[in-house]
């Protein structure tokens, strides 16, 4: 079983503690920032029930905007250009 969650960074330690207390081991973590000049607003975390303890893959930060204020390339890959539809 997998659990995926999106939460504010100030709750990271609470989330990891709660996951482990429930038998879910955190396996992947990714921060989400609006732009490079801003602090992360969210984190994405994935956990696995009964997963081996002691290893968590920290992925590169997901940036929402590019340098000109539009969506980053990765965000366009994820969502497409939904504004033009």
PDB file of N, CA and C in Angstrom:
ATOM      1  N   UNK A   1       0.836  -1.189   0.000  1.00  0.00           N
ATOM      2  CA  UNK A   1       0.000   0.000   0.000  1.00  0.00           C
ATOM      3  C   UNK A   1       0.878   1.248   0.000  1.00  0.00           C
ATOM      4  N   UNK A   2       0.505   2.226  -0.795  1.00  0.00           N
ATOM      5  CA  UNK A   2       1.213   3.498  -0.871  1.00  0.00           C
ATOM      6  C   UNK A   2       0.313   4.600  -0.318  1.00  0.00           C
ATOM      7  N   UNK A   3       0.942   5.605   0.266  1.00  0.00           N
ATOM      8  CA  UNK A   3       0.240   6.798   0.719  1.00  0.00           C
ATOM      9  C   UNK A   3       0.969   7.987   0.118  1.00  0.00           C
ATOM     10  N   UNK A   4       0.234   8.866  -0.553  1.00  0.00           N
ATOM     11  CA  UNK A   4       0.814  10.098  -1.103  1.00  0.00           C
ATOM     12  C   UNK A   4       0.098  11.276  -0.457  1.00  0.00           C
ATOM     13  N   UNK A   5       0.887  12.307  -0.134  1.00  0.00           N
ATOM     14  CA  UNK A   5       0.328  13.440   0.593  1.00  0.00           C
ATOM     15  C   UNK A   5       0.985  14.731   0.129  1.00  0.00           C
ATOM     16  N   UNK A   6       0.228  15.798   0.191  1.00  0.00           N
ATOM     17  CA  UNK A   6       0.704  17.141  -0.100  1.00  0.00           C
ATOM     18  C   UNK A   6       0.410  17.979   1.140  1.00  0.00           C
ATOM     19  N   UNK A   7       1.447  18.678   1.649  1.00  0.00           N
ATOM     20  CA  UNK A   7       1.271  19.418   2.899  1.00  0.00           C
ATOM     21  C   UNK A   7       2.234  20.603   2.944  1.00  0.00           C
ATOM     22  N   UNK A   8       2.042  21.491   3.882  1.00  0.00           N
ATOM     23  CA  UNK A   8       2.920  22.646   4.078  1.00  0.00           C
ATOM     24  C   UNK A   8       4.229  22.200   4.737  1.00  0.00           C
ATOM     25  N   UNK A   9       5.366  22.821   4.366  1.00  0.00           N
ATOM     26  CA  UNK A   9       6.680  22.414   4.898  1.00  0.00           C
ATOM     27  C   UNK A   9       6.787  22.435   6.417  1.00  0.00           C
ATOM     28  N   UNK A  10       6.092  23.346   7.075  1.00  0.00           N
ATOM     29  CA  UNK A  10       6.196  23.413   8.534  1.00  0.00           C
ATOM     30  C   UNK A  10       5.584  22.179   9.212  1.00  0.00           C
ATOM     31  N   UNK A  11       4.882  21.357   8.465  1.00  0.00           N
ATOM     32  CA  UNK A  11       4.278  20.137   9.005  1.00  0.00           C
ATOM     33  C   UNK A  11       5.079  18.873   8.684  1.00  0.00           C
ATOM     34  N   UNK A  12       6.243  19.018   8.051  1.00  0.00           N
ATOM     35  CA  UNK A  12       7.014  17.862   7.596  1.00  0.00           C
ATOM     36  C   UNK A  12       7.338  16.883   8.719  1.00  0.00           C
ATOM     37  N   UNK A  13       7.870  17.373   9.822  1.00  0.00           N
ATOM     38  CA  UNK A  13       8.240  16.456  10.910  1.00  0.00           C
ATOM     39  C   UNK A  13       7.012  15.763  11.495  1.00  0.00           C
ATOM     40  N   UNK A  14       5.887  16.476  11.599  1.00  0.00           N
ATOM     41  CA  UNK A  14       4.648  15.869  12.102  1.00  0.00           C
ATOM     42  C   UNK A  14       4.168  14.759  11.169  1.00  0.00           C
ATOM     43  N   UNK A  15       4.236  15.016   9.874  1.00  0.00           N
ATOM     44  CA  UNK A  15       3.781  14.027   8.890  1.00  0.00           C
ATOM     45  C   UNK A  15       4.643  12.773   8.946  1.00  0.00           C
ATOM     46  N   UNK A  16       5.975  12.947   8.966  1.00  0.00           N
ATOM     47  CA  UNK A  16       6.873  11.785   9.015  1.00  0.00           C
ATOM     48  C   UNK A  16       6.641  10.992  10.300  1.00  0.00           C
ATOM     49  N   UNK A  17       6.514  11.683  11.412  1.00  0.00           N
ATOM     50  CA  UNK A  17       6.264  11.006  12.695  1.00  0.00           C
ATOM     51  C   UNK A  17       4.949  10.221  12.658  1.00  0.00           C
ATOM     52  N   UNK A  18       3.905  10.839  12.140  1.00  0.00           N
ATOM     53  CA  UNK A  18       2.596  10.170  12.066  1.00  0.00           C
ATOM     54  C   UNK A  18       2.618   8.978  11.118  1.00  0.00           C
ATOM     55  N   UNK A  19       3.321   9.124  10.004  1.00  0.00           N
ATOM     56  CA  UNK A  19       3.419   8.012   9.059  1.00  0.00           C
ATOM     57  C   UNK A  19       4.090   6.815   9.724  1.00  0.00           C
ATOM     58  N   UNK A  20       5.211   7.062  10.378  1.00  0.00           N
ATOM     59  CA  UNK A  20       5.953   5.965  11.016  1.00  0.00           C
ATOM     60  C   UNK A  20       5.147   5.327  12.147  1.00  0.00           C
ATOM     61  N   UNK A  21       4.445   6.149  12.906  1.00  0.00           N
ATOM     62  CA  UNK A  21       3.611   5.625  13.996  1.00  0.00           C
ATOM     63  C   UNK A  21       2.507   4.727  13.445  1.00  0.00           C
ATOM     64  N   UNK A  22       2.093   4.980  12.204  1.00  0.00           N
ATOM     65  CA  UNK A  22       1.034   4.191  11.559  1.00  0.00           C
ATOM     66  C   UNK A  22       1.589   3.037  10.730  1.00  0.00           C
ATOM     67  N   UNK A  23       2.906   2.814  10.786  1.00  0.00           N
ATOM     68  CA  UNK A  23       3.510   1.704  10.044  1.00  0.00           C
ATOM     69  C   UNK A  23       3.768   2.006   8.589  1.00  0.00           C
ATOM     70  N   UNK A  24       3.799   3.299   8.241  1.00  0.00           N
ATOM     71  CA  UNK A  24       4.063   3.719   6.862  1.00  0.00           C
ATOM     72  C   UNK A  24       5.418   4.411   6.838  1.00  0.00           C
ATOM     73  N   UNK A  25       6.343   3.887   6.034  1.00  0.00           N
ATOM     74  CA  UNK A  25       7.691   4.442   5.972  1.00  0.00           C
ATOM     75  C   UNK A  25       7.793   5.448   4.819  1.00  0.00           C
ATOM     76  N   UNK A  26       8.210   6.695   5.109  1.00  0.00           N
ATOM     77  CA  UNK A  26       8.394   7.691   4.053  1.00  0.00           C
ATOM     78  C   UNK A  26       9.475   7.227   3.069  1.00  0.00           C
ATOM     79  N   UNK A  27       9.175   7.292   1.766  1.00  0.00           N
ATOM     80  CA  UNK A  27      10.107   6.807   0.756  1.00  0.00           C
ATOM     81  C   UNK A  27      10.547   7.866  -0.246  1.00  0.00           C
ATOM     82  N   UNK A  28       9.680   8.825  -0.551  1.00  0.00           N
ATOM     83  CA  UNK A  28      10.057   9.890  -1.500  1.00  0.00           C
ATOM     84  C   UNK A  28       9.536  11.227  -0.994  1.00  0.00           C
ATOM     85  N   UNK A  29      10.352  12.264  -1.174  1.00  0.00           N
ATOM     86  CA  UNK A  29      10.008  13.615  -0.732  1.00  0.00           C
ATOM     87  C   UNK A  29      10.378  14.598  -1.827  1.00  0.00           C
ATOM     88  N   UNK A  30       9.498  15.552  -2.064  1.00  0.00           N
ATOM     89  CA  UNK A  30       9.778  16.597  -3.057  1.00  0.00           C
ATOM     90  C   UNK A  30       9.191  17.916  -2.582  1.00  0.00           C
ATOM     91  N   UNK A  31      10.022  18.964  -2.590  1.00  0.00           N
ATOM     92  CA  UNK A  31       9.554  20.303  -2.246  1.00  0.00           C
ATOM     93  C   UNK A  31       8.965  20.966  -3.484  1.00  0.00           C
ATOM     94  N   UNK A  32       8.012  21.880  -3.263  1.00  0.00           N
ATOM     95  CA  UNK A  32       7.369  22.615  -4.353  1.00  0.00           C
ATOM     96  C   UNK A  32       7.525  24.099  -4.070  1.00  0.00           C
ATOM     97  N   UNK A  33       8.120  24.831  -5.027  1.00  0.00           N
ATOM     98  CA  UNK A  33       8.302  26.279  -4.912  1.00  0.00           C
ATOM     99  C   UNK A  33       7.617  26.977  -6.067  1.00  0.00           C
ATOM    100  N   UNK A  34       7.067  28.154  -5.781  1.00  0.00           N
ATOM    101  CA  UNK A  34       6.453  28.941  -6.855  1.00  0.00           C
ATOM    102  C   UNK A  34       7.525  29.397  -7.830  1.00  0.00           C
ATOM    103  N   UNK A  35       8.604  29.957  -7.285  1.00  0.00           N
ATOM    104  CA  UNK A  35       9.742  30.395  -8.115  1.00  0.00           C
ATOM    105  C   UNK A  35      11.002  30.284  -7.282  1.00  0.00           C
ATOM    106  N   UNK A  36      12.160  30.418  -7.923  1.00  0.00           N
ATOM    107  CA  UNK A  36      13.433  30.213  -7.237  1.00  0.00           C
ATOM    108  C   UNK A  36      13.670  31.206  -6.105  1.00  0.00           C
ATOM    109  N   UNK A  37      13.119  32.400  -6.196  1.00  0.00           N
ATOM    110  CA  UNK A  37      13.345  33.428  -5.175  1.00  0.00           C
ATOM    111  C   UNK A  37      12.445  33.266  -3.942  1.00  0.00           C
ATOM    112  N   UNK A  38      11.519  32.311  -3.970  1.00  0.00           N
ATOM    113  CA  UNK A  38      10.583  32.098  -2.858  1.00  0.00           C
ATOM    114  C   UNK A  38      10.923  30.809  -2.112  1.00  0.00           C
ATOM    115  N   UNK A  39      10.550  30.756  -0.856  1.00  0.00           N
ATOM    116  CA  UNK A  39      10.701  29.531  -0.067  1.00  0.00           C
ATOM    117  C   UNK A  39       9.655  28.506  -0.527  1.00  0.00           C
ATOM    118  N   UNK A  40       9.912  27.222  -0.303  1.00  0.00           N
ATOM    119  CA  UNK A  40       8.911  26.208  -0.674  1.00  0.00           C
ATOM    120  C   UNK A  40       7.587  26.435   0.051  1.00  0.00           C
ATOM    121  N   UNK A  41       6.479  26.222  -0.675  1.00  0.00           N
ATOM    122  CA  UNK A  41       5.147  26.376  -0.100  1.00  0.00           C
ATOM    123  C   UNK A  41       4.521  25.041   0.249  1.00  0.00           C
ATOM    124  N   UNK A  42       4.982  23.980  -0.400  1.00  0.00           N
ATOM    125  CA  UNK A  42       4.405  22.656  -0.208  1.00  0.00           C
ATOM    126  C   UNK A  42       5.492  21.599  -0.249  1.00  0.00           C
ATOM    127  N   UNK A  43       5.147  20.419   0.242  1.00  0.00           N
ATOM    128  CA  UNK A  43       5.972  19.254  -0.033  1.00  0.00           C
ATOM    129  C   UNK A  43       5.055  18.113  -0.435  1.00  0.00           C
ATOM    130  N   UNK A  44       5.586  17.247  -1.256  1.00  0.00           N
ATOM    131  CA  UNK A  44       4.902  16.034  -1.671  1.00  0.00           C
ATOM    132  C   UNK A  44       5.666  14.882  -1.037  1.00  0.00           C
ATOM    133  N   UNK A  45       4.966  13.948  -0.434  1.00  0.00           N
ATOM    134  CA  UNK A  45       5.629  12.824   0.220  1.00  0.00           C
ATOM    135  C   UNK A  45       4.887  11.540  -0.133  1.00  0.00           C
ATOM    136  N   UNK A  46       5.661  10.491  -0.326  1.00  0.00           N
ATOM    137  CA  UNK A  46       5.105   9.171  -0.607  1.00  0.00           C
ATOM    138  C   UNK A  46       5.643   8.200   0.427  1.00  0.00           C
ATOM    139  N   UNK A  47       4.763   7.378   0.967  1.00  0.00           N
ATOM    140  CA  UNK A  47       5.164   6.377   1.941  1.00  0.00           C
ATOM    141  C   UNK A  47       4.634   5.017   1.563  1.00  0.00           C
ATOM    142  N   UNK A  48       5.247   3.991   2.147  1.00  0.00           N
ATOM    143  CA  UNK A  48       4.875   2.610   1.868  1.00  0.00           C
ATOM    144  C   UNK A  48       4.646   1.855   3.178  1.00  0.00           C
ATOM    145  N   UNK A  49       3.516   1.191   3.278  1.00  0.00           N
ATOM    146  CA  UNK A  49       3.239   0.382   4.470  1.00  0.00           C
ATOM    147  C   UNK A  49       4.236  -0.762   4.525  1.00  0.00           C
ATOM    148  N   UNK A  50       4.886  -0.899   5.682  1.00  0.00           N
ATOM    149  CA  UNK A  50       5.842  -1.976   5.870  1.00  0.00           C
ATOM    150  C   UNK A  50       7.156  -1.780   5.138  1.00  0.00           C
ATOM    151  N   UNK A  51       7.413  -0.574   4.635  1.00  0.00           N
ATOM    152  CA  UNK A  51       8.659  -0.310   3.914  1.00  0.00           C
ATOM    153  C   UNK A  51       9.864  -0.371   4.837  1.00  0.00           C
ATOM    154  N   UNK A  52      10.995  -0.691   4.261  1.00  0.00           N
ATOM    155  CA  UNK A  52      12.236  -0.784   5.035  1.00  0.00           C
ATOM    156  C   UNK A  52      12.622   0.605   5.536  1.00  0.00           C
ATOM    157  N   UNK A  53      12.933   0.694   6.800  1.00  0.00           N
ATOM    158  CA  UNK A  53      13.253   1.965   7.437  1.00  0.00           C
ATOM    159  C   UNK A  53      14.665   2.428   7.087  1.00  0.00           C
ATOM    160  N   UNK A  54      14.835   3.742   6.962  1.00  0.00           N
ATOM    161  CA  UNK A  54      16.167   4.305   6.859  1.00  0.00           C
ATOM    162  C   UNK A  54      16.573   4.863   5.517  1.00  0.00           C
ATOM    163  N   UNK A  55      15.725   4.850   4.509  1.00  0.00           N
ATOM    164  CA  UNK A  55      16.090   5.444   3.231  1.00  0.00           C
ATOM    165  C   UNK A  55      14.900   6.201   2.668  1.00  0.00           C
ATOM    166  N   UNK A  56      15.132   7.492   2.345  1.00  0.00           N
ATOM    167  CA  UNK A  56      14.108   8.302   1.703  1.00  0.00           C
ATOM    168  C   UNK A  56      14.771   9.036   0.551  1.00  0.00           C
ATOM    169  N   UNK A  57      14.208   8.910  -0.629  1.00  0.00           N
ATOM    170  CA  UNK A  57      14.721   9.563  -1.826  1.00  0.00           C
ATOM    171  C   UNK A  57      14.192  11.000  -1.853  1.00  0.00           C
ATOM    172  N   UNK A  58      15.100  11.983  -1.829  1.00  0.00           N
ATOM    173  CA  UNK A  58      14.708  13.391  -1.903  1.00  0.00           C
ATOM    174  C   UNK A  58      14.886  13.835  -3.351  1.00  0.00           C
ATOM    175  N   UNK A  59      13.775  14.136  -3.997  1.00  0.00           N
ATOM    176  CA  UNK A  59      13.764  14.498  -5.418  1.00  0.00           C
ATOM    177  C   UNK A  59      14.062  15.982  -5.602  1.00  0.00           C
ATOM    178  N   UNK A  60      14.472  16.388  -6.808  1.00  0.00           N
ATOM    179  CA  UNK A  60      14.698  17.813  -7.072  1.00  0.00           C
ATOM    180  C   UNK A  60      13.420  18.624  -6.864  1.00  0.00           C
ATOM    181  N   UNK A  61      13.592  19.870  -6.486  1.00  0.00           N
ATOM    182  CA  UNK A  61      12.458  20.768  -6.248  1.00  0.00           C
ATOM    183  C   UNK A  61      11.625  20.948  -7.514  1.00  0.00           C
ATOM    184  N   UNK A  62      10.321  20.964  -7.346  1.00  0.00           N
ATOM    185  CA  UNK A  62       9.392  21.248  -8.439  1.00  0.00           C
ATOM    186  C   UNK A  62       9.110  22.747  -8.412  1.00  0.00           C
ATOM    187  N   UNK A  63       9.497  23.457  -9.475  1.00  0.00           N
ATOM    188  CA  UNK A  63       9.228  24.891  -9.590  1.00  0.00           C
ATOM    189  C   UNK A  63       7.967  25.088 -10.414  1.00  0.00           C
ATOM    190  N   UNK A  64       7.046  25.894  -9.902  1.00  0.00           N
ATOM    191  CA  UNK A  64       5.784  26.148 -10.589  1.00  0.00           C
ATOM    192  C   UNK A  64       5.989  27.134 -11.740  1.00  0.00           C
ATOM    193  N   UNK A  65       6.763  28.194 -11.512  1.00  0.00           N
ATOM    194  CA  UNK A  65       6.971  29.231 -12.532  1.00  0.00           C
ATOM    195  C   UNK A  65       8.381  29.195 -13.097  1.00  0.00           C
ATOM    196  N   UNK A  66       8.488  29.672 -14.326  1.00  0.00           N
ATOM    197  CA  UNK A  66       9.812  29.877 -14.919  1.00  0.00           C
ATOM    198  C   UNK A  66      10.285  31.295 -14.591  1.00  0.00           C
ATOM    199  N   UNK A  67      11.387  31.728 -15.127  1.00  0.00           N
ATOM    200  CA  UNK A  67      11.947  33.047 -14.834  1.00  0.00           C
ATOM    201  C   UNK A  67      11.106  34.218 -15.300  1.00  0.00           C
ATOM    202  N   UNK A  68      10.188  33.989 -16.242  1.00  0.00           N
ATOM    203  CA  UNK A  68       9.343  35.068 -16.776  1.00  0.00           C
ATOM    204  C   UNK A  68       7.941  35.095 -16.167  1.00  0.00           C
ATOM    205  N   UNK A  69       7.676  34.236 -15.199  1.00  0.00           N
ATOM    206  CA  UNK A  69       6.376  34.243 -14.529  1.00  0.00           C
ATOM    207  C   UNK A  69       5.355  33.292 -15.124  1.00  0.00           C
ATOM    208  N   UNK A  70       5.706  32.600 -16.211  1.00  0.00           N
ATOM    209  CA  UNK A  70       4.804  31.588 -16.776  1.00  0.00           C
ATOM    210  C   UNK A  70       5.074  30.240 -16.119  1.00  0.00           C
ATOM    211  N   UNK A  71       4.332  29.233 -16.522  1.00  0.00           N
ATOM    212  CA  UNK A  71       4.567  27.905 -15.984  1.00  0.00           C
ATOM    213  C   UNK A  71       5.935  27.381 -16.396  1.00  0.00           C
ATOM    214  N   UNK A  72       6.576  26.665 -15.491  1.00  0.00           N
ATOM    215  CA  UNK A  72       7.850  26.025 -15.816  1.00  0.00           C
ATOM    216  C   UNK A  72       7.598  24.898 -16.819  1.00  0.00           C
ATOM    217  N   UNK A  73       8.667  24.426 -17.449  1.00  0.00           N
ATOM    218  CA  UNK A  73       8.545  23.329 -18.411  1.00  0.00           C
ATOM    219  C   UNK A  73       7.915  22.102 -17.764  1.00  0.00           C
ATOM    220  N   UNK A  74       8.357  21.789 -16.554  1.00  0.00           N
ATOM    221  CA  UNK A  74       7.818  20.612 -15.890  1.00  0.00           C
ATOM    222  C   UNK A  74       6.340  20.770 -15.574  1.00  0.00           C
ATOM    223  N   UNK A  75       5.919  21.953 -15.157  1.00  0.00           N
ATOM    224  CA  UNK A  75       4.497  22.171 -14.884  1.00  0.00           C
ATOM    225  C   UNK A  75       3.675  22.028 -16.164  1.00  0.00           C
ATOM    226  N   UNK A  76       4.202  22.511 -17.290  1.00  0.00           N
ATOM    227  CA  UNK A  76       3.500  22.339 -18.564  1.00  0.00           C
ATOM    228  C   UNK A  76       3.402  20.864 -18.933  1.00  0.00           C
ATOM    229  N   UNK A  77       4.447  20.093 -18.633  1.00  0.00           N
ATOM    230  CA  UNK A  77       4.389  18.646 -18.885  1.00  0.00           C
ATOM    231  C   UNK A  77       3.329  17.986 -18.008  1.00  0.00           C
ATOM    232  N   UNK A  78       3.211  18.430 -16.773  1.00  0.00           N
ATOM    233  CA  UNK A  78       2.258  17.834 -15.840  1.00  0.00           C
ATOM    234  C   UNK A  78       0.823  18.221 -16.202  1.00  0.00           C
ATOM    235  N   UNK A  79       0.566  19.514 -16.383  1.00  0.00           N
ATOM    236  CA  UNK A  79      -0.792  20.009 -16.572  1.00  0.00           C
ATOM    237  C   UNK A  79      -1.150  20.371 -18.002  1.00  0.00           C
ATOM    238  N   UNK A  80      -0.151  20.547 -18.853  1.00  0.00           N
ATOM    239  CA  UNK A  80      -0.439  21.017 -20.190  1.00  0.00           C
ATOM    240  C   UNK A  80      -0.793  22.499 -20.145  1.00  0.00           C
ATOM    241  N   UNK A  81      -1.178  23.038 -21.243  1.00  0.00           N
ATOM    242  CA  UNK A  81      -1.551  24.449 -21.307  1.00  0.00           C
ATOM    243  C   UNK A  81      -3.061  24.572 -21.125  1.00  0.00           C
ATOM    244  N   UNK A  82      -3.522  24.340 -19.899  1.00  0.00           N
ATOM    245  CA  UNK A  82      -4.968  24.298 -19.633  1.00  0.00           C
ATOM    246  C   UNK A  82      -5.637  25.649 -19.854  1.00  0.00           C
ATOM    247  N   UNK A  83      -4.895  26.753 -19.807  1.00  0.00           N
ATOM    248  CA  UNK A  83      -5.509  28.086 -19.965  1.00  0.00           C
ATOM    249  C   UNK A  83      -5.985  28.316 -21.386  1.00  0.00           C
ATOM    250  N   UNK A  84      -5.390  27.645 -22.366  1.00  0.00           N
ATOM    251  CA  UNK A  84      -5.752  27.887 -23.767  1.00  0.00           C
ATOM    252  C   UNK A  84      -6.947  27.053 -24.196  1.00  0.00           C
ATOM    253  N   UNK A  85      -7.464  26.195 -23.334  1.00  0.00           N
ATOM    254  CA  UNK A  85      -8.599  25.326 -23.709  1.00  0.00           C
ATOM    255  C   UNK A  85      -9.914  25.906 -23.323  1.00  0.00           C
TER     256      UNK A  85
END
